Amino acid sequence: MSGPLAWSHRTTEIPEGGLHERVAATGVERAAIAEELGLVSCEAVEANYAVRALGAGRYRLVGALAARLTQACIATLEPIAQTIGETFEVQFWPAGSLPDTGDTEVEALSVPEVEPLEHGLIDVGRVVFETLSAALDPYPRKRGASLEWQDPNDGEEAGAAGPFAALKKLKDQS
């Protein structure tokens, strides 16, 4: 297990009818998420999911993530509150039976995501964390914020001392 959410289930503990869970991140887990993802704060992370056996040692994890967090605006650094809602679906297969795609190109969304089943653990926390990380706005911007930079020397004085000032003087002399 890796990441700030240590939510996992042993395959031996999953009942025949499947496992249904609803979990919420603790304050310590939310603080770790905020630090790892560079957030101003993480107010809530909840996941509602089910794990079912598919047979042949394979399992299917399906769920939904809901999160409330705050990111910093890339232009002003002011806090921006966000609400995220995402679904996820991952199949866990024994390492020796992973599908071999070979050298053929596969469209990312055309096949289910399949991950190796390691140490008999379904690592729900990692899947939830990765789903949250992928759903974040990489460039959060507060409404009306601008990234336009203006040279403080912009104006007539800057034109007289700019990079082409020497060429202009030569032209004017001829």
C-alpha atoms as a PDB file:
ATOM      1  CA  MET A   1       0.000   0.000   0.000  1.00  0.00           C
ATOM      2  CA  SER A   2       1.173   3.472  -0.781  1.00  0.00           C
ATOM      3  CA  GLY A   3      -0.274   6.926  -0.515  1.00  0.00           C
ATOM      4  CA  PRO A   4      -2.171   8.718   2.211  1.00  0.00           C
ATOM      5  CA  LEU A   5      -5.275   6.466   2.190  1.00  0.00           C
ATOM      6  CA  ALA A   6      -4.622   3.070   3.757  1.00  0.00           C
ATOM      7  CA  TRP A   7      -7.946   1.577   2.695  1.00  0.00           C
ATOM      8  CA  SER A   8      -7.548  -2.016   1.592  1.00  0.00           C
ATOM      9  CA  HIS A   9      -9.273  -5.385   1.816  1.00  0.00           C
ATOM     10  CA  ARG A  10      -7.810  -8.868   1.848  1.00  0.00           C
ATOM     11  CA  THR A  11      -9.314 -11.014  -0.873  1.00  0.00           C
ATOM     12  CA  THR A  12      -9.917 -13.750   1.727  1.00  0.00           C
ATOM     13  CA  GLU A  13     -12.238 -11.395   3.629  1.00  0.00           C
ATOM     14  CA  ILE A  14     -14.493 -10.557   0.685  1.00  0.00           C
ATOM     15  CA  PRO A  15     -17.807 -12.412   1.086  1.00  0.00           C
ATOM     16  CA  GLU A  16     -19.302 -14.464  -1.735  1.00  0.00           C
ATOM     17  CA  GLY A  17     -21.930 -11.798  -2.430  1.00  0.00           C
ATOM     18  CA  GLY A  18     -19.301  -9.057  -2.562  1.00  0.00           C
ATOM     19  CA  LEU A  19     -18.311  -6.275  -0.241  1.00  0.00           C
ATOM     20  CA  HIS A  20     -20.006  -2.869  -0.086  1.00  0.00           C
ATOM     21  CA  GLU A  21     -18.334  -0.040   1.830  1.00  0.00           C
ATOM     22  CA  ARG A  22     -18.688   3.674   2.433  1.00  0.00           C
ATOM     23  CA  VAL A  23     -15.584   5.307   3.914  1.00  0.00           C
ATOM     24  CA  ALA A  24     -14.520   8.860   4.730  1.00  0.00           C
ATOM     25  CA  ALA A  25     -10.985  10.154   5.138  1.00  0.00           C
ATOM     26  CA  THR A  26      -9.913  11.120   8.648  1.00  0.00           C
ATOM     27  CA  GLY A  27      -8.400  14.504   9.476  1.00  0.00           C
ATOM     28  CA  VAL A  28      -4.896  13.013   9.351  1.00  0.00           C
ATOM     29  CA  GLU A  29      -5.600  11.396   5.957  1.00  0.00           C
ATOM     30  CA  ARG A  30      -7.044  14.652   4.566  1.00  0.00           C
ATOM     31  CA  ALA A  31      -3.984  16.594   5.747  1.00  0.00           C
ATOM     32  CA  ALA A  32      -1.713  14.029   4.061  1.00  0.00           C
ATOM     33  CA  ILE A  33      -3.740  14.299   0.829  1.00  0.00           C
ATOM     34  CA  ALA A  34      -3.484  18.103   0.902  1.00  0.00           C
ATOM     35  CA  GLU A  35       0.278  17.938   1.427  1.00  0.00           C
ATOM     36  CA  GLU A  36       0.908  15.309  -1.237  1.00  0.00           C
ATOM     37  CA  LEU A  37      -1.239  17.061  -3.867  1.00  0.00           C
ATOM     38  CA  GLY A  38      -0.147  20.615  -2.994  1.00  0.00           C
ATOM     39  CA  LEU A  39      -3.621  21.726  -1.936  1.00  0.00           C
ATOM     40  CA  VAL A  40      -4.465  24.612   0.367  1.00  0.00           C
ATOM     41  CA  SER A  41      -6.739  22.205   2.256  1.00  0.00           C
ATOM     42  CA  CYS A  42      -8.801  19.064   1.873  1.00  0.00           C
ATOM     43  CA  GLU A  43     -12.131  19.327   3.662  1.00  0.00           C
ATOM     44  CA  ALA A  44     -13.645  15.933   2.758  1.00  0.00           C
ATOM     45  CA  VAL A  45     -12.941  12.753   0.811  1.00  0.00           C
ATOM     46  CA  GLU A  46     -15.533   9.996   0.752  1.00  0.00           C
ATOM     47  CA  ALA A  47     -15.797   6.828  -1.292  1.00  0.00           C
ATOM     48  CA  ASN A  48     -18.707   4.483  -1.815  1.00  0.00           C
ATOM     49  CA  TYR A  49     -17.594   1.246  -3.468  1.00  0.00           C
ATOM     50  CA  ALA A  50     -18.147  -2.451  -4.026  1.00  0.00           C
ATOM     51  CA  VAL A  51     -15.679  -5.295  -4.514  1.00  0.00           C
ATOM     52  CA  ARG A  52     -16.843  -8.504  -6.188  1.00  0.00           C
ATOM     53  CA  ALA A  53     -15.043 -11.699  -7.119  1.00  0.00           C
ATOM     54  CA  LEU A  54     -15.025 -12.408 -10.867  1.00  0.00           C
ATOM     55  CA  GLY A  55     -13.597 -15.914 -10.604  1.00  0.00           C
ATOM     56  CA  ALA A  56     -10.122 -17.277 -11.355  1.00  0.00           C
ATOM     57  CA  GLY A  57      -8.671 -15.106  -8.572  1.00  0.00           C
ATOM     58  CA  ARG A  58      -9.872 -11.872 -10.202  1.00  0.00           C
ATOM     59  CA  TYR A  59     -11.778  -9.049  -8.501  1.00  0.00           C
ATOM     60  CA  ARG A  60     -13.655  -5.975  -9.671  1.00  0.00           C
ATOM     61  CA  LEU A  61     -13.661  -2.693  -7.732  1.00  0.00           C
ATOM     62  CA  VAL A  62     -16.371  -0.192  -8.709  1.00  0.00           C
ATOM     63  CA  GLY A  63     -17.156   3.001  -6.858  1.00  0.00           C
ATOM     64  CA  ALA A  64     -17.659   6.726  -6.631  1.00  0.00           C
ATOM     65  CA  LEU A  65     -15.541   9.412  -5.038  1.00  0.00           C
ATOM     66  CA  ALA A  66     -16.783  12.697  -3.586  1.00  0.00           C
ATOM     67  CA  ALA A  67     -14.366  15.363  -2.358  1.00  0.00           C
ATOM     68  CA  ARG A  68     -14.335  18.968  -1.215  1.00  0.00           C
ATOM     69  CA  LEU A  69     -10.997  20.750  -1.339  1.00  0.00           C
ATOM     70  CA  THR A  70      -9.301  24.090  -1.789  1.00  0.00           C
ATOM     71  CA  GLN A  71      -6.614  24.880  -4.363  1.00  0.00           C
ATOM     72  CA  ALA A  72      -4.597  28.063  -4.859  1.00  0.00           C
ATOM     73  CA  CYS A  73      -5.311  30.204  -7.930  1.00  0.00           C
ATOM     74  CA  ILE A  74      -2.342  30.085 -10.313  1.00  0.00           C
ATOM     75  CA  ALA A  75      -2.607  33.827 -10.987  1.00  0.00           C
ATOM     76  CA  THR A  76      -3.422  35.354  -7.598  1.00  0.00           C
ATOM     77  CA  LEU A  77      -2.734  32.480  -5.137  1.00  0.00           C
ATOM     78  CA  GLU A  78      -6.172  33.130  -3.614  1.00  0.00           C
ATOM     79  CA  PRO A  79      -8.003  30.006  -2.377  1.00  0.00           C
ATOM     80  CA  ILE A  80     -10.510  28.378  -4.728  1.00  0.00           C
ATOM     81  CA  ALA A  81     -13.024  25.900  -3.307  1.00  0.00           C
ATOM     82  CA  GLN A  82     -13.760  22.865  -5.469  1.00  0.00           C
ATOM     83  CA  THR A  83     -16.130  19.934  -5.343  1.00  0.00           C
ATOM     84  CA  ILE A  84     -15.118  16.749  -7.142  1.00  0.00           C
ATOM     85  CA  GLY A  85     -17.292  13.782  -8.015  1.00  0.00           C
ATOM     86  CA  GLU A  86     -15.756  10.910  -9.982  1.00  0.00           C
ATOM     87  CA  THR A  87     -16.392   7.235 -10.579  1.00  0.00           C
ATOM     88  CA  PHE A  88     -13.788   4.499 -10.809  1.00  0.00           C
ATOM     89  CA  GLU A  89     -13.593   0.896 -11.945  1.00  0.00           C
ATOM     90  CA  VAL A  90     -10.542  -1.343 -11.692  1.00  0.00           C
ATOM     91  CA  GLN A  91     -10.077  -5.070 -12.036  1.00  0.00           C
ATOM     92  CA  PHE A  92      -7.399  -6.829  -9.993  1.00  0.00           C
ATOM     93  CA  TRP A  93      -5.926  -9.980 -11.515  1.00  0.00           C
ATOM     94  CA  PRO A  94      -3.229 -12.330 -10.243  1.00  0.00           C
ATOM     95  CA  ALA A  95       0.124 -11.094 -11.577  1.00  0.00           C
ATOM     96  CA  GLY A  96       0.643 -14.179 -13.778  1.00  0.00           C
ATOM     97  CA  SER A  97      -2.671 -13.782 -15.585  1.00  0.00           C
ATOM     98  CA  LEU A  98      -2.546 -10.114 -16.615  1.00  0.00           C
ATOM     99  CA  PRO A  99      -3.725  -9.506 -20.190  1.00  0.00           C
ATOM    100  CA  ASP A 100      -0.912  -9.221 -22.722  1.00  0.00           C
ATOM    101  CA  THR A 101      -1.554  -6.406 -25.178  1.00  0.00           C
ATOM    102  CA  GLY A 102       1.785  -7.022 -26.907  1.00  0.00           C
ATOM    103  CA  ASP A 103       2.828  -4.376 -29.366  1.00  0.00           C
ATOM    104  CA  THR A 104      -0.712  -3.583 -30.485  1.00  0.00           C
ATOM    105  CA  GLU A 105      -2.144  -0.182 -29.770  1.00  0.00           C
ATOM    106  CA  VAL A 106      -5.129  -0.200 -27.440  1.00  0.00           C
ATOM    107  CA  GLU A 107      -7.501   2.700 -26.938  1.00  0.00           C
ATOM    108  CA  ALA A 108      -7.277   3.625 -23.261  1.00  0.00           C
ATOM    109  CA  LEU A 109     -11.004   3.586 -22.571  1.00  0.00           C
ATOM    110  CA  SER A 110     -11.836   0.536 -24.700  1.00  0.00           C
ATOM    111  CA  VAL A 111     -10.629  -2.010 -22.152  1.00  0.00           C
ATOM    112  CA  PRO A 112     -11.137  -2.104 -18.394  1.00  0.00           C
ATOM    113  CA  GLU A 113      -8.245  -0.999 -16.236  1.00  0.00           C
ATOM    114  CA  VAL A 114      -6.498  -4.118 -14.950  1.00  0.00           C
ATOM    115  CA  GLU A 115      -3.920  -4.083 -12.175  1.00  0.00           C
ATOM    116  CA  PRO A 116      -1.918  -6.862 -10.563  1.00  0.00           C
ATOM    117  CA  LEU A 117      -3.274  -8.311  -7.345  1.00  0.00           C
ATOM    118  CA  GLU A 118      -0.375  -8.063  -4.904  1.00  0.00           C
ATOM    119  CA  HIS A 119      -0.190  -9.847  -1.551  1.00  0.00           C
ATOM    120  CA  GLY A 120      -3.906 -10.667  -1.751  1.00  0.00           C
ATOM    121  CA  LEU A 121      -4.884  -7.009  -1.150  1.00  0.00           C
ATOM    122  CA  ILE A 122      -7.355  -4.820  -3.006  1.00  0.00           C
ATOM    123  CA  ASP A 123      -5.817  -1.350  -2.490  1.00  0.00           C
ATOM    124  CA  VAL A 124      -8.929   0.828  -2.598  1.00  0.00           C
ATOM    125  CA  GLY A 125      -7.150   3.819  -1.027  1.00  0.00           C
ATOM    126  CA  ARG A 126      -4.603   4.018  -3.821  1.00  0.00           C
ATOM    127  CA  VAL A 127      -7.312   3.858  -6.491  1.00  0.00           C
ATOM    128  CA  VAL A 128      -9.333   6.592  -4.731  1.00  0.00           C
ATOM    129  CA  PHE A 129      -6.226   8.780  -4.315  1.00  0.00           C
ATOM    130  CA  GLU A 130      -5.217   8.374  -7.970  1.00  0.00           C
ATOM    131  CA  THR A 131      -8.775   9.132  -9.106  1.00  0.00           C
ATOM    132  CA  LEU A 132      -8.809  12.288  -6.982  1.00  0.00           C
ATOM    133  CA  SER A 133      -5.377  13.332  -8.235  1.00  0.00           C
ATOM    134  CA  ALA A 134      -6.413  12.898 -11.879  1.00  0.00           C
ATOM    135  CA  ALA A 135      -9.626  14.884 -11.334  1.00  0.00           C
ATOM    136  CA  LEU A 136      -7.887  17.984  -9.953  1.00  0.00           C
ATOM    137  CA  ASP A 137      -7.773  21.114 -12.072  1.00  0.00           C
ATOM    138  CA  PRO A 138      -4.081  21.386 -12.995  1.00  0.00           C
ATOM    139  CA  TYR A 139      -4.358  25.169 -13.439  1.00  0.00           C
ATOM    140  CA  PRO A 140      -7.024  26.470 -11.059  1.00  0.00           C
ATOM    141  CA  ARG A 141      -7.897  30.068 -11.782  1.00  0.00           C
ATOM    142  CA  LYS A 142     -10.216  32.330  -9.854  1.00  0.00           C
ATOM    143  CA  ARG A 143     -12.927  33.895 -12.004  1.00  0.00           C
ATOM    144  CA  GLY A 144     -11.629  37.121 -13.501  1.00  0.00           C
ATOM    145  CA  ALA A 145      -7.998  36.434 -12.588  1.00  0.00           C
ATOM    146  CA  SER A 146      -5.541  37.177 -15.361  1.00  0.00           C
ATOM    147  CA  LEU A 147      -2.078  35.899 -16.127  1.00  0.00           C
ATOM    148  CA  GLU A 148      -1.204  38.863 -18.315  1.00  0.00           C
ATOM    149  CA  TRP A 149       2.165  40.292 -17.344  1.00  0.00           C
ATOM    150  CA  GLN A 150       2.957  43.928 -17.898  1.00  0.00           C
ATOM    151  CA  ASP A 151       6.451  45.361 -17.952  1.00  0.00           C
ATOM    152  CA  PRO A 152       6.672  48.039 -15.265  1.00  0.00           C
ATOM    153  CA  ASN A 153       8.865  50.050 -17.664  1.00  0.00           C
ATOM    154  CA  ASP A 154       6.293  49.821 -20.422  1.00  0.00           C
ATOM    155  CA  GLY A 155       5.610  53.153 -22.064  1.00  0.00           C
ATOM    156  CA  GLU A 156       7.526  55.779 -23.999  1.00  0.00           C
ATOM    157  CA  GLU A 157      10.550  55.640 -21.691  1.00  0.00           C
ATOM    158  CA  ALA A 158      10.866  51.876 -22.224  1.00  0.00           C
ATOM    159  CA  GLY A 159      10.761  52.385 -26.006  1.00  0.00           C
ATOM    160  CA  ALA A 160      13.634  54.877 -25.797  1.00  0.00           C
ATOM    161  CA  ALA A 161      15.763  52.412 -23.802  1.00  0.00           C
ATOM    162  CA  GLY A 162      14.530  49.197 -25.428  1.00  0.00           C
ATOM    163  CA  PRO A 163      16.613  46.713 -27.411  1.00  0.00           C
ATOM    164  CA  PHE A 164      16.045  48.515 -30.704  1.00  0.00           C
ATOM    165  CA  ALA A 165      16.857  51.988 -29.379  1.00  0.00           C
ATOM    166  CA  ALA A 166      20.427  51.861 -30.732  1.00  0.00           C
ATOM    167  CA  LEU A 167      19.163  50.864 -34.197  1.00  0.00           C
ATOM    168  CA  LYS A 168      16.636  53.690 -34.155  1.00  0.00           C
ATOM    169  CA  LYS A 169      19.404  56.189 -33.335  1.00  0.00           C
ATOM    170  CA  LEU A 170      21.495  54.923 -36.257  1.00  0.00           C
ATOM    171  CA  LYS A 171      18.510  55.184 -38.583  1.00  0.00           C
ATOM    172  CA  ASP A 172      17.732  58.708 -37.413  1.00  0.00           C
ATOM    173  CA  GLN A 173      21.373  59.789 -38.003  1.00  0.00           C
ATOM    174  CA  SER A 174      21.332  58.788 -41.650  1.00  0.00           C
END
